[in-house]
Amino acid sequence: MPLDIQWFIFALISNGAISAEDADSLYQSLEGTPDLESYAQLVLDRMITGLSEEDQQSVLEQVQAVIDYAVAQAETGIGP
């Protein structure tokens, strides 16, 4: 699993946004070795289901912050 996705999952689980089981299930649902963008989009789609447009925008901004964090952490070359 790519480091950026590892950090993305780590941050989401640490903040209680998703469970480890959900993270693994979502990752396994993507074929091959997905990139962070594909994985994050799948997570985002699941998180915003049933939310108002305003709440969806808030979640999108939060997920983007987690993506930025994950990419920065992955650049260190060290896993979570």
PDB file of N, CA and C in Angstrom:
ATOM      1  N   MET A   1       0.856  -1.173   0.000  1.00  0.00           N
ATOM      2  CA  MET A   1       0.000   0.000   0.000  1.00  0.00           C
ATOM      3  C   MET A   1       0.908   1.244   0.000  1.00  0.00           C
ATOM      4  N   PRO A   2       0.621   2.190  -0.881  1.00  0.00           N
ATOM      5  CA  PRO A   2       1.440   3.404  -0.940  1.00  0.00           C
ATOM      6  C   PRO A   2       1.425   4.182   0.385  1.00  0.00           C
ATOM      7  N   LEU A   3       2.554   4.835   0.674  1.00  0.00           N
ATOM      8  CA  LEU A   3       2.671   5.585   1.925  1.00  0.00           C
ATOM      9  C   LEU A   3       1.620   6.669   2.082  1.00  0.00           C
ATOM     10  N   ASP A   4       1.279   7.361   0.986  1.00  0.00           N
ATOM     11  CA  ASP A   4       0.294   8.432   1.129  1.00  0.00           C
ATOM     12  C   ASP A   4      -1.066   7.891   1.549  1.00  0.00           C
ATOM     13  N   ILE A   5      -1.419   6.720   1.042  1.00  0.00           N
ATOM     14  CA  ILE A   5      -2.688   6.105   1.455  1.00  0.00           C
ATOM     15  C   ILE A   5      -2.597   5.614   2.898  1.00  0.00           C
ATOM     16  N   GLN A   6      -1.438   5.073   3.282  1.00  0.00           N
ATOM     17  CA  GLN A   6      -1.262   4.646   4.673  1.00  0.00           C
ATOM     18  C   GLN A   6      -1.466   5.817   5.626  1.00  0.00           C
ATOM     19  N   TRP A   7      -0.877   6.963   5.307  1.00  0.00           N
ATOM     20  CA  TRP A   7      -1.020   8.136   6.164  1.00  0.00           C
ATOM     21  C   TRP A   7      -2.449   8.675   6.146  1.00  0.00           C
ATOM     22  N   PHE A   8      -3.093   8.622   4.986  1.00  0.00           N
ATOM     23  CA  PHE A   8      -4.482   9.063   4.863  1.00  0.00           C
ATOM     24  C   PHE A   8      -5.375   8.217   5.775  1.00  0.00           C
ATOM     25  N   ILE A   9      -5.209   6.914   5.690  1.00  0.00           N
ATOM     26  CA  ILE A   9      -5.993   5.995   6.524  1.00  0.00           C
ATOM     27  C   ILE A   9      -5.678   6.221   8.001  1.00  0.00           C
ATOM     28  N   PHE A  10      -4.400   6.346   8.326  1.00  0.00           N
ATOM     29  CA  PHE A  10      -3.983   6.579   9.707  1.00  0.00           C
ATOM     30  C   PHE A  10      -4.669   7.821  10.283  1.00  0.00           C
ATOM     31  N   ALA A  11      -4.661   8.899   9.520  1.00  0.00           N
ATOM     32  CA  ALA A  11      -5.271  10.150   9.990  1.00  0.00           C
ATOM     33  C   ALA A  11      -6.776   9.999  10.168  1.00  0.00           C
ATOM     34  N   LEU A  12      -7.437   9.341   9.237  1.00  0.00           N
ATOM     35  CA  LEU A  12      -8.890   9.171   9.344  1.00  0.00           C
ATOM     36  C   LEU A  12      -9.270   8.307  10.540  1.00  0.00           C
ATOM     37  N   ILE A  13      -8.533   7.222  10.738  1.00  0.00           N
ATOM     38  CA  ILE A  13      -8.820   6.338  11.865  1.00  0.00           C
ATOM     39  C   ILE A  13      -8.520   7.050  13.178  1.00  0.00           C
ATOM     40  N   SER A  14      -7.403   7.764  13.235  1.00  0.00           N
ATOM     41  CA  SER A  14      -7.015   8.485  14.454  1.00  0.00           C
ATOM     42  C   SER A  14      -8.062   9.516  14.864  1.00  0.00           C
ATOM     43  N   ASN A  15      -8.721  10.094  13.874  1.00  0.00           N
ATOM     44  CA  ASN A  15      -9.739  11.112  14.146  1.00  0.00           C
ATOM     45  C   ASN A  15     -11.146  10.527  14.243  1.00  0.00           C
ATOM     46  N   GLY A  16     -11.260   9.220  14.162  1.00  0.00           N
ATOM     47  CA  GLY A  16     -12.555   8.564  14.302  1.00  0.00           C
ATOM     48  C   GLY A  16     -13.483   8.733  13.112  1.00  0.00           C
ATOM     49  N   ALA A  17     -12.928   9.125  11.961  1.00  0.00           N
ATOM     50  CA  ALA A  17     -13.766   9.345  10.786  1.00  0.00           C
ATOM     51  C   ALA A  17     -14.231   8.031  10.152  1.00  0.00           C
ATOM     52  N   ILE A  18     -13.350   7.029  10.193  1.00  0.00           N
ATOM     53  CA  ILE A  18     -13.708   5.700   9.699  1.00  0.00           C
ATOM     54  C   ILE A  18     -13.033   4.664  10.588  1.00  0.00           C
ATOM     55  N   SER A  19     -13.509   3.441  10.497  1.00  0.00           N
ATOM     56  CA  SER A  19     -12.899   2.355  11.269  1.00  0.00           C
ATOM     57  C   SER A  19     -11.816   1.687  10.421  1.00  0.00           C
ATOM     58  N   ALA A  20     -10.958   0.946  11.076  1.00  0.00           N
ATOM     59  CA  ALA A  20      -9.916   0.209  10.359  1.00  0.00           C
ATOM     60  C   ALA A  20     -10.548  -0.789   9.391  1.00  0.00           C
ATOM     61  N   GLU A  21     -11.646  -1.404   9.808  1.00  0.00           N
ATOM     62  CA  GLU A  21     -12.327  -2.372   8.951  1.00  0.00           C
ATOM     63  C   GLU A  21     -12.877  -1.701   7.697  1.00  0.00           C
ATOM     64  N   ASP A  22     -13.485  -0.514   7.871  1.00  0.00           N
ATOM     65  CA  ASP A  22     -13.996   0.227   6.714  1.00  0.00           C
ATOM     66  C   ASP A  22     -12.861   0.630   5.784  1.00  0.00           C
ATOM     67  N   ALA A  23     -11.760   1.097   6.365  1.00  0.00           N
ATOM     68  CA  ALA A  23     -10.613   1.517   5.563  1.00  0.00           C
ATOM     69  C   ALA A  23     -10.098   0.361   4.712  1.00  0.00           C
ATOM     70  N   ASP A  24      -9.972  -0.795   5.325  1.00  0.00           N
ATOM     71  CA  ASP A  24      -9.476  -1.968   4.607  1.00  0.00           C
ATOM     72  C   ASP A  24     -10.473  -2.412   3.546  1.00  0.00           C
ATOM     73  N   SER A  25     -11.741  -2.431   3.891  1.00  0.00           N
ATOM     74  CA  SER A  25     -12.783  -2.845   2.953  1.00  0.00           C
ATOM     75  C   SER A  25     -12.809  -1.926   1.729  1.00  0.00           C
ATOM     76  N   LEU A  26     -12.727  -0.631   1.964  1.00  0.00           N
ATOM     77  CA  LEU A  26     -12.729   0.326   0.850  1.00  0.00           C
ATOM     78  C   LEU A  26     -11.493   0.136  -0.019  1.00  0.00           C
ATOM     79  N   TYR A  27     -10.338  -0.069   0.614  1.00  0.00           N
ATOM     80  CA  TYR A  27      -9.102  -0.264  -0.150  1.00  0.00           C
ATOM     81  C   TYR A  27      -9.204  -1.517  -1.010  1.00  0.00           C
ATOM     82  N   GLN A  28      -9.725  -2.588  -0.421  1.00  0.00           N
ATOM     83  CA  GLN A  28      -9.838  -3.853  -1.151  1.00  0.00           C
ATOM     84  C   GLN A  28     -10.837  -3.772  -2.306  1.00  0.00           C
ATOM     85  N   SER A  29     -11.787  -2.832  -2.216  1.00  0.00           N
ATOM     86  CA  SER A  29     -12.799  -2.713  -3.269  1.00  0.00           C
ATOM     87  C   SER A  29     -12.232  -2.095  -4.549  1.00  0.00           C
ATOM     88  N   LEU A  30     -11.080  -1.452  -4.444  1.00  0.00           N
ATOM     89  CA  LEU A  30     -10.435  -0.871  -5.622  1.00  0.00           C
ATOM     90  C   LEU A  30      -9.465  -1.886  -6.202  1.00  0.00           C
ATOM     91  N   GLU A  31      -9.454  -2.006  -7.513  1.00  0.00           N
ATOM     92  CA  GLU A  31      -8.600  -3.003  -8.157  1.00  0.00           C
ATOM     93  C   GLU A  31      -7.164  -2.519  -8.272  1.00  0.00           C
ATOM     94  N   GLY A  32      -6.250  -3.466  -8.241  1.00  0.00           N
ATOM     95  CA  GLY A  32      -4.848  -3.130  -8.392  1.00  0.00           C
ATOM     96  C   GLY A  32      -4.329  -2.360  -7.202  1.00  0.00           C
ATOM     97  N   THR A  33      -3.414  -1.434  -7.457  1.00  0.00           N
ATOM     98  CA  THR A  33      -2.874  -0.567  -6.422  1.00  0.00           C
ATOM     99  C   THR A  33      -3.415   0.832  -6.680  1.00  0.00           C
ATOM    100  N   PRO A  34      -4.465   1.200  -5.967  1.00  0.00           N
ATOM    101  CA  PRO A  34      -5.085   2.502  -6.222  1.00  0.00           C
ATOM    102  C   PRO A  34      -4.188   3.661  -5.798  1.00  0.00           C
ATOM    103  N   ASP A  35      -4.412   4.807  -6.411  1.00  0.00           N
ATOM    104  CA  ASP A  35      -3.695   6.003  -5.982  1.00  0.00           C
ATOM    105  C   ASP A  35      -4.523   6.710  -4.911  1.00  0.00           C
ATOM    106  N   LEU A  36      -3.896   7.685  -4.267  1.00  0.00           N
ATOM    107  CA  LEU A  36      -4.560   8.381  -3.165  1.00  0.00           C
ATOM    108  C   LEU A  36      -5.847   9.059  -3.624  1.00  0.00           C
ATOM    109  N   GLU A  37      -5.816   9.646  -4.805  1.00  0.00           N
ATOM    110  CA  GLU A  37      -6.998  10.348  -5.309  1.00  0.00           C
ATOM    111  C   GLU A  37      -8.195   9.410  -5.435  1.00  0.00           C
ATOM    112  N   SER A  38      -7.982   8.232  -5.993  1.00  0.00           N
ATOM    113  CA  SER A  38      -9.073   7.263  -6.159  1.00  0.00           C
ATOM    114  C   SER A  38      -9.605   6.793  -4.810  1.00  0.00           C
ATOM    115  N   TYR A  39      -8.681   6.494  -3.914  1.00  0.00           N
ATOM    116  CA  TYR A  39      -9.085   6.008  -2.596  1.00  0.00           C
ATOM    117  C   TYR A  39      -9.818   7.102  -1.817  1.00  0.00           C
ATOM    118  N   ALA A  40      -9.269   8.311  -1.845  1.00  0.00           N
ATOM    119  CA  ALA A  40      -9.889   9.424  -1.118  1.00  0.00           C
ATOM    120  C   ALA A  40     -11.288   9.721  -1.654  1.00  0.00           C
ATOM    121  N   GLN A  41     -11.461   9.622  -2.969  1.00  0.00           N
ATOM    122  CA  GLN A  41     -12.779   9.873  -3.556  1.00  0.00           C
ATOM    123  C   GLN A  41     -13.789   8.835  -3.069  1.00  0.00           C
ATOM    124  N   LEU A  42     -13.372   7.593  -2.990  1.00  0.00           N
ATOM    125  CA  LEU A  42     -14.249   6.533  -2.500  1.00  0.00           C
ATOM    126  C   LEU A  42     -14.639   6.785  -1.040  1.00  0.00           C
ATOM    127  N   VAL A  43     -13.667   7.172  -0.219  1.00  0.00           N
ATOM    128  CA  VAL A  43     -13.937   7.476   1.183  1.00  0.00           C
ATOM    129  C   VAL A  43     -14.876   8.677   1.287  1.00  0.00           C
ATOM    130  N   LEU A  44     -14.584   9.707   0.519  1.00  0.00           N
ATOM    131  CA  LEU A  44     -15.419  10.919   0.540  1.00  0.00           C
ATOM    132  C   LEU A  44     -16.856  10.593   0.146  1.00  0.00           C
ATOM    133  N   ASP A  45     -17.026   9.827  -0.912  1.00  0.00           N
ATOM    134  CA  ASP A  45     -18.375   9.452  -1.354  1.00  0.00           C
ATOM    135  C   ASP A  45     -19.150   8.771  -0.236  1.00  0.00           C
ATOM    136  N   ARG A  46     -18.480   7.909   0.495  1.00  0.00           N
ATOM    137  CA  ARG A  46     -19.145   7.201   1.591  1.00  0.00           C
ATOM    138  C   ARG A  46     -19.481   8.165   2.734  1.00  0.00           C
ATOM    139  N   MET A  47     -18.568   9.095   3.025  1.00  0.00           N
ATOM    140  CA  MET A  47     -18.753   9.996   4.159  1.00  0.00           C
ATOM    141  C   MET A  47     -19.851  11.034   3.925  1.00  0.00           C
ATOM    142  N   ILE A  48     -20.076  11.435   2.676  1.00  0.00           N
ATOM    143  CA  ILE A  48     -21.044  12.508   2.421  1.00  0.00           C
ATOM    144  C   ILE A  48     -22.440  12.010   2.089  1.00  0.00           C
ATOM    145  N   THR A  49     -22.606  10.714   1.976  1.00  0.00           N
ATOM    146  CA  THR A  49     -23.916  10.163   1.654  1.00  0.00           C
ATOM    147  C   THR A  49     -24.953  10.612   2.670  1.00  0.00           C
ATOM    148  N   GLY A  50     -26.000  11.235   2.179  1.00  0.00           N
ATOM    149  CA  GLY A  50     -27.107  11.655   3.026  1.00  0.00           C
ATOM    150  C   GLY A  50     -26.914  12.995   3.722  1.00  0.00           C
ATOM    151  N   LEU A  51     -25.794  13.666   3.479  1.00  0.00           N
ATOM    152  CA  LEU A  51     -25.561  14.957   4.118  1.00  0.00           C
ATOM    153  C   LEU A  51     -26.114  16.092   3.266  1.00  0.00           C
ATOM    154  N   SER A  52     -26.376  17.215   3.907  1.00  0.00           N
ATOM    155  CA  SER A  52     -26.806  18.399   3.180  1.00  0.00           C
ATOM    156  C   SER A  52     -25.635  18.905   2.337  1.00  0.00           C
ATOM    157  N   GLU A  53     -25.927  19.764   1.384  1.00  0.00           N
ATOM    158  CA  GLU A  53     -24.877  20.304   0.527  1.00  0.00           C
ATOM    159  C   GLU A  53     -23.831  21.057   1.344  1.00  0.00           C
ATOM    160  N   GLU A  54     -24.290  21.807   2.328  1.00  0.00           N
ATOM    161  CA  GLU A  54     -23.367  22.557   3.192  1.00  0.00           C
ATOM    162  C   GLU A  54     -22.453  21.615   3.972  1.00  0.00           C
ATOM    163  N   ASP A  55     -23.035  20.549   4.527  1.00  0.00           N
ATOM    164  CA  ASP A  55     -22.241  19.576   5.275  1.00  0.00           C
ATOM    165  C   ASP A  55     -21.287  18.819   4.353  1.00  0.00           C
ATOM    166  N   GLN A  56     -21.741  18.540   3.136  1.00  0.00           N
ATOM    167  CA  GLN A  56     -20.868  17.876   2.170  1.00  0.00           C
ATOM    168  C   GLN A  56     -19.641  18.727   1.890  1.00  0.00           C
ATOM    169  N   GLN A  57     -19.831  20.034   1.731  1.00  0.00           N
ATOM    170  CA  GLN A  57     -18.712  20.932   1.470  1.00  0.00           C
ATOM    171  C   GLN A  57     -17.739  20.942   2.647  1.00  0.00           C
ATOM    172  N   SER A  58     -18.262  20.919   3.854  1.00  0.00           N
ATOM    173  CA  SER A  58     -17.425  20.896   5.050  1.00  0.00           C
ATOM    174  C   SER A  58     -16.580  19.621   5.099  1.00  0.00           C
ATOM    175  N   VAL A  59     -17.215  18.491   4.824  1.00  0.00           N
ATOM    176  CA  VAL A  59     -16.496  17.207   4.818  1.00  0.00           C
ATOM    177  C   VAL A  59     -15.438  17.207   3.721  1.00  0.00           C
ATOM    178  N   LEU A  60     -15.776  17.741   2.558  1.00  0.00           N
ATOM    179  CA  LEU A  60     -14.813  17.823   1.460  1.00  0.00           C
ATOM    180  C   LEU A  60     -13.568  18.608   1.884  1.00  0.00           C
ATOM    181  N   GLU A  61     -13.769  19.726   2.542  1.00  0.00           N
ATOM    182  CA  GLU A  61     -12.642  20.545   2.998  1.00  0.00           C
ATOM    183  C   GLU A  61     -11.800  19.795   4.031  1.00  0.00           C
ATOM    184  N   GLN A  62     -12.455  19.063   4.913  1.00  0.00           N
ATOM    185  CA  GLN A  62     -11.733  18.293   5.916  1.00  0.00           C
ATOM    186  C   GLN A  62     -10.926  17.167   5.273  1.00  0.00           C
ATOM    187  N   VAL A  63     -11.534  16.487   4.303  1.00  0.00           N
ATOM    188  CA  VAL A  63     -10.846  15.404   3.602  1.00  0.00           C
ATOM    189  C   VAL A  63      -9.656  15.963   2.819  1.00  0.00           C
ATOM    190  N   GLN A  64      -9.811  17.132   2.219  1.00  0.00           N
ATOM    191  CA  GLN A  64      -8.693  17.741   1.494  1.00  0.00           C
ATOM    192  C   GLN A  64      -7.532  18.049   2.445  1.00  0.00           C
ATOM    193  N   ALA A  65      -7.840  18.495   3.643  1.00  0.00           N
ATOM    194  CA  ALA A  65      -6.797  18.757   4.638  1.00  0.00           C
ATOM    195  C   ALA A  65      -6.068  17.468   5.010  1.00  0.00           C
ATOM    196  N   VAL A  66      -6.806  16.380   5.122  1.00  0.00           N
ATOM    197  CA  VAL A  66      -6.199  15.084   5.446  1.00  0.00           C
ATOM    198  C   VAL A  66      -5.330  14.612   4.275  1.00  0.00           C
ATOM    199  N   ILE A  67      -5.787  14.834   3.054  1.00  0.00           N
ATOM    200  CA  ILE A  67      -4.986  14.477   1.878  1.00  0.00           C
ATOM    201  C   ILE A  67      -3.665  15.242   1.904  1.00  0.00           C
ATOM    202  N   ASP A  68      -3.733  16.543   2.149  1.00  0.00           N
ATOM    203  CA  ASP A  68      -2.519  17.365   2.199  1.00  0.00           C
ATOM    204  C   ASP A  68      -1.562  16.849   3.272  1.00  0.00           C
ATOM    205  N   TYR A  69      -2.106  16.509   4.416  1.00  0.00           N
ATOM    206  CA  TYR A  69      -1.301  15.960   5.517  1.00  0.00           C
ATOM    207  C   TYR A  69      -0.655  14.640   5.091  1.00  0.00           C
ATOM    208  N   ALA A  70      -1.444  13.758   4.502  1.00  0.00           N
ATOM    209  CA  ALA A  70      -0.945  12.434   4.101  1.00  0.00           C
ATOM    210  C   ALA A  70       0.179  12.547   3.082  1.00  0.00           C
ATOM    211  N   VAL A  71       0.016  13.431   2.119  1.00  0.00           N
ATOM    212  CA  VAL A  71       1.042  13.618   1.100  1.00  0.00           C
ATOM    213  C   VAL A  71       2.328  14.146   1.735  1.00  0.00           C
ATOM    214  N   ALA A  72       2.210  15.113   2.619  1.00  0.00           N
ATOM    215  CA  ALA A  72       3.379  15.676   3.299  1.00  0.00           C
ATOM    216  C   ALA A  72       4.090  14.611   4.134  1.00  0.00           C
ATOM    217  N   GLN A  73       3.337  13.813   4.848  1.00  0.00           N
ATOM    218  CA  GLN A  73       3.930  12.764   5.668  1.00  0.00           C
ATOM    219  C   GLN A  73       4.586  11.695   4.803  1.00  0.00           C
ATOM    220  N   ALA A  74       3.960  11.340   3.700  1.00  0.00           N
ATOM    221  CA  ALA A  74       4.507  10.306   2.813  1.00  0.00           C
ATOM    222  C   ALA A  74       5.835  10.749   2.209  1.00  0.00           C
ATOM    223  N   GLU A  75       5.983  12.047   1.994  1.00  0.00           N
ATOM    224  CA  GLU A  75       7.230  12.566   1.430  1.00  0.00           C
ATOM    225  C   GLU A  75       8.426  12.340   2.341  1.00  0.00           C
ATOM    226  N   THR A  76       8.181  12.087   3.615  1.00  0.00           N
ATOM    227  CA  THR A  76       9.283  11.802   4.545  1.00  0.00           C
ATOM    228  C   THR A  76       9.848  10.404   4.304  1.00  0.00           C
ATOM    229  N   GLY A  77       9.050   9.550   3.660  1.00  0.00           N
ATOM    230  CA  GLY A  77       9.487   8.179   3.399  1.00  0.00           C
ATOM    231  C   GLY A  77       9.291   7.234   4.560  1.00  0.00           C
ATOM    232  N   ILE A  78       8.670   7.743   5.618  1.00  0.00           N
ATOM    233  CA  ILE A  78       8.435   6.926   6.821  1.00  0.00           C
ATOM    234  C   ILE A  78       6.936   6.643   6.931  1.00  0.00           C
ATOM    235  N   GLY A  79       6.596   5.405   7.221  1.00  0.00           N
ATOM    236  CA  GLY A  79       5.194   5.027   7.368  1.00  0.00           C
ATOM    237  C   GLY A  79       4.649   5.370   8.745  1.00  0.00           C
ATOM    238  N   PRO A  80       3.338   5.360   8.859  1.00  0.00           N
ATOM    239  CA  PRO A  80       2.711   5.667  10.156  1.00  0.00           C
ATOM    240  C   PRO A  80       2.944   4.557  11.175  1.00  0.00           C
TER     241      PRO A  80
END
